[in-house]
Amino acid sequence: MALSINTPITTDEGFVVDNAFAYLNIYILAPNSNWVNLSYYKSETDWVEGKSSLNVNTLPNQVQTELTSNEFWSTTLALTIHEKCQAAIEQVTGAGTVTILTA
């Protein structure tokens, strides 16, 4: 899974990326003790090839997921985490600008 940001974003260096991708590094220790570090790339290929992530300090680089016990033990844990990150990014980019990529 990944997140597609469907609106232009500007990097710290002033470059505009029309359709960025966010990839999640998920850290889960226990319910209420978990977070996600977000990295942004200009394309899925850049991520796959191990290229450097974009510097975008206007977007969240860490999300405290605050999973409940039910969320933590559910069969939809990965989707729930992506939805929480989607909501955090959309607080900056606007509603409906982030899509969860499942394939």
C-alpha atoms as a PDB file:
ATOM      1  CA  MET A   1       0.000   0.000   0.000  1.00  0.00           C
ATOM      2  CA  ALA A   2       0.978   3.582  -0.522  1.00  0.00           C
ATOM      3  CA  LEU A   3      -0.662   6.991  -0.642  1.00  0.00           C
ATOM      4  CA  SER A   4      -0.979   9.085  -3.786  1.00  0.00           C
ATOM      5  CA  ILE A   5      -1.173  12.834  -3.254  1.00  0.00           C
ATOM      6  CA  ASN A   6      -3.314  14.103  -6.110  1.00  0.00           C
ATOM      7  CA  THR A   7      -2.505  17.785  -5.839  1.00  0.00           C
ATOM      8  CA  PRO A   8       0.713  19.697  -6.502  1.00  0.00           C
ATOM      9  CA  ILE A   9       3.085  19.960  -3.561  1.00  0.00           C
ATOM     10  CA  THR A  10       6.148  22.155  -3.285  1.00  0.00           C
ATOM     11  CA  THR A  11       9.379  20.753  -1.918  1.00  0.00           C
ATOM     12  CA  ASP A  12      11.523  22.672   0.532  1.00  0.00           C
ATOM     13  CA  GLU A  13      13.816  23.502  -2.393  1.00  0.00           C
ATOM     14  CA  GLY A  14      10.930  25.101  -4.313  1.00  0.00           C
ATOM     15  CA  PHE A  15      10.264  22.339  -6.858  1.00  0.00           C
ATOM     16  CA  VAL A  16       6.631  21.495  -7.621  1.00  0.00           C
ATOM     17  CA  VAL A  17       5.667  17.813  -7.773  1.00  0.00           C
ATOM     18  CA  ASP A  18       2.295  17.225  -9.412  1.00  0.00           C
ATOM     19  CA  ASN A  19       1.492  13.766  -8.070  1.00  0.00           C
ATOM     20  CA  ALA A  20       3.665  12.668  -5.146  1.00  0.00           C
ATOM     21  CA  PHE A  21       3.579   9.343  -3.389  1.00  0.00           C
ATOM     22  CA  ALA A  22       3.856   8.712   0.350  1.00  0.00           C
ATOM     23  CA  TYR A  23       5.292   5.502   1.721  1.00  0.00           C
ATOM     24  CA  LEU A  24       4.881   4.479   5.335  1.00  0.00           C
ATOM     25  CA  ASN A  25       7.351   3.006   7.776  1.00  0.00           C
ATOM     26  CA  ILE A  26       5.059   1.620  10.461  1.00  0.00           C
ATOM     27  CA  TYR A  27       6.173   1.099  14.051  1.00  0.00           C
ATOM     28  CA  ILE A  28       3.740  -0.881  16.178  1.00  0.00           C
ATOM     29  CA  LEU A  29       4.614  -1.761  19.739  1.00  0.00           C
ATOM     30  CA  ALA A  30       1.195  -2.075  21.364  1.00  0.00           C
ATOM     31  CA  PRO A  31      -2.176  -0.328  21.300  1.00  0.00           C
ATOM     32  CA  ASN A  32      -1.630   3.387  21.962  1.00  0.00           C
ATOM     33  CA  SER A  33       2.131   2.965  21.367  1.00  0.00           C
ATOM     34  CA  ASN A  34       2.570   3.163  17.624  1.00  0.00           C
ATOM     35  CA  TRP A  35       3.436   5.649  14.935  1.00  0.00           C
ATOM     36  CA  VAL A  36       4.205   5.977  11.262  1.00  0.00           C
ATOM     37  CA  ASN A  37       7.108   7.791   9.633  1.00  0.00           C
ATOM     38  CA  LEU A  38       6.148   9.128   6.201  1.00  0.00           C
ATOM     39  CA  SER A  39       8.505   9.538   3.246  1.00  0.00           C
ATOM     40  CA  TYR A  40       7.466  11.315   0.058  1.00  0.00           C
ATOM     41  CA  TYR A  41       8.689  10.492  -3.455  1.00  0.00           C
ATOM     42  CA  LYS A  42       7.940  11.985  -6.858  1.00  0.00           C
ATOM     43  CA  SER A  43       7.087   8.530  -8.224  1.00  0.00           C
ATOM     44  CA  GLU A  44       6.690   4.914  -7.238  1.00  0.00           C
ATOM     45  CA  THR A  45       9.730   4.147  -9.402  1.00  0.00           C
ATOM     46  CA  ASP A  46      11.877   6.481  -7.309  1.00  0.00           C
ATOM     47  CA  TRP A  47      10.829   4.598  -4.185  1.00  0.00           C
ATOM     48  CA  VAL A  48      11.431   1.181  -5.773  1.00  0.00           C
ATOM     49  CA  GLU A  49      14.855   2.257  -7.025  1.00  0.00           C
ATOM     50  CA  GLY A  50      15.837   3.565  -3.591  1.00  0.00           C
ATOM     51  CA  LYS A  51      16.175   7.179  -4.672  1.00  0.00           C
ATOM     52  CA  SER A  52      16.150   9.942  -2.091  1.00  0.00           C
ATOM     53  CA  SER A  53      12.824  11.045  -0.699  1.00  0.00           C
ATOM     54  CA  LEU A  54      11.535  14.573  -1.209  1.00  0.00           C
ATOM     55  CA  ASN A  55      12.028  17.245   1.439  1.00  0.00           C
ATOM     56  CA  VAL A  56       8.508  18.457   2.176  1.00  0.00           C
ATOM     57  CA  ASN A  57       8.327  19.958   5.635  1.00  0.00           C
ATOM     58  CA  THR A  58       4.807  21.283   5.036  1.00  0.00           C
ATOM     59  CA  LEU A  59       3.455  17.713   5.121  1.00  0.00           C
ATOM     60  CA  PRO A  60       3.500  15.456   8.180  1.00  0.00           C
ATOM     61  CA  ASN A  61       6.586  13.282   8.450  1.00  0.00           C
ATOM     62  CA  GLN A  62       5.275  11.349  11.453  1.00  0.00           C
ATOM     63  CA  VAL A  63       1.742  10.377  12.459  1.00  0.00           C
ATOM     64  CA  GLN A  64       0.828   9.085  15.887  1.00  0.00           C
ATOM     65  CA  THR A  65      -1.825   6.526  14.980  1.00  0.00           C
ATOM     66  CA  GLU A  66      -3.237   6.060  18.496  1.00  0.00           C
ATOM     67  CA  LEU A  67      -4.707   2.684  17.617  1.00  0.00           C
ATOM     68  CA  THR A  68      -7.351   1.318  19.906  1.00  0.00           C
ATOM     69  CA  SER A  69      -7.166  -2.328  20.972  1.00  0.00           C
ATOM     70  CA  ASN A  70      -9.915  -3.178  18.473  1.00  0.00           C
ATOM     71  CA  GLU A  71      -8.026  -1.462  15.633  1.00  0.00           C
ATOM     72  CA  PHE A  72      -4.737  -3.036  16.724  1.00  0.00           C
ATOM     73  CA  TRP A  73      -6.117  -6.587  16.604  1.00  0.00           C
ATOM     74  CA  SER A  74      -8.382  -6.154  13.560  1.00  0.00           C
ATOM     75  CA  THR A  75      -7.897  -7.762  10.171  1.00  0.00           C
ATOM     76  CA  THR A  76      -7.932  -4.290   8.591  1.00  0.00           C
ATOM     77  CA  LEU A  77      -4.986  -2.882  10.560  1.00  0.00           C
ATOM     78  CA  ALA A  78      -2.956  -1.829   7.501  1.00  0.00           C
ATOM     79  CA  LEU A  79      -5.927  -0.035   5.936  1.00  0.00           C
ATOM     80  CA  THR A  80      -6.732   1.722   9.220  1.00  0.00           C
ATOM     81  CA  ILE A  81      -3.154   2.989   9.509  1.00  0.00           C
ATOM     82  CA  HIS A  82      -3.204   4.263   5.921  1.00  0.00           C
ATOM     83  CA  GLU A  83      -6.535   6.009   6.545  1.00  0.00           C
ATOM     84  CA  LYS A  84      -5.096   7.793   9.590  1.00  0.00           C
ATOM     85  CA  CYS A  85      -2.100   8.961   7.531  1.00  0.00           C
ATOM     86  CA  GLN A  86      -4.402   9.992   4.689  1.00  0.00           C
ATOM     87  CA  ALA A  87      -6.390  12.155   7.101  1.00  0.00           C
ATOM     88  CA  ALA A  88      -3.223  13.759   8.498  1.00  0.00           C
ATOM     89  CA  ILE A  89      -1.947  14.672   5.022  1.00  0.00           C
ATOM     90  CA  GLU A  90      -5.368  15.966   3.940  1.00  0.00           C
ATOM     91  CA  GLN A  91      -5.345  18.383   6.883  1.00  0.00           C
ATOM     92  CA  VAL A  92      -2.657  20.168   4.850  1.00  0.00           C
ATOM     93  CA  THR A  93      -3.566  19.362   1.234  1.00  0.00           C
ATOM     94  CA  GLY A  94      -7.371  19.455   1.517  1.00  0.00           C
ATOM     95  CA  ALA A  95     -10.154  16.886   1.583  1.00  0.00           C
ATOM     96  CA  GLY A  96     -10.168  14.318  -1.194  1.00  0.00           C
ATOM     97  CA  THR A  97      -6.579  14.958  -2.315  1.00  0.00           C
ATOM     98  CA  VAL A  98      -5.035  11.699  -1.082  1.00  0.00           C
ATOM     99  CA  THR A  99      -5.830   8.236  -2.434  1.00  0.00           C
ATOM    100  CA  ILE A 100      -4.868   4.949  -0.812  1.00  0.00           C
ATOM    101  CA  LEU A 101      -3.219   2.694  -3.396  1.00  0.00           C
ATOM    102  CA  THR A 102      -3.926  -0.956  -2.708  1.00  0.00           C
ATOM    103  CA  ALA A 103      -2.364  -2.559  -5.768  1.00  0.00           C
END
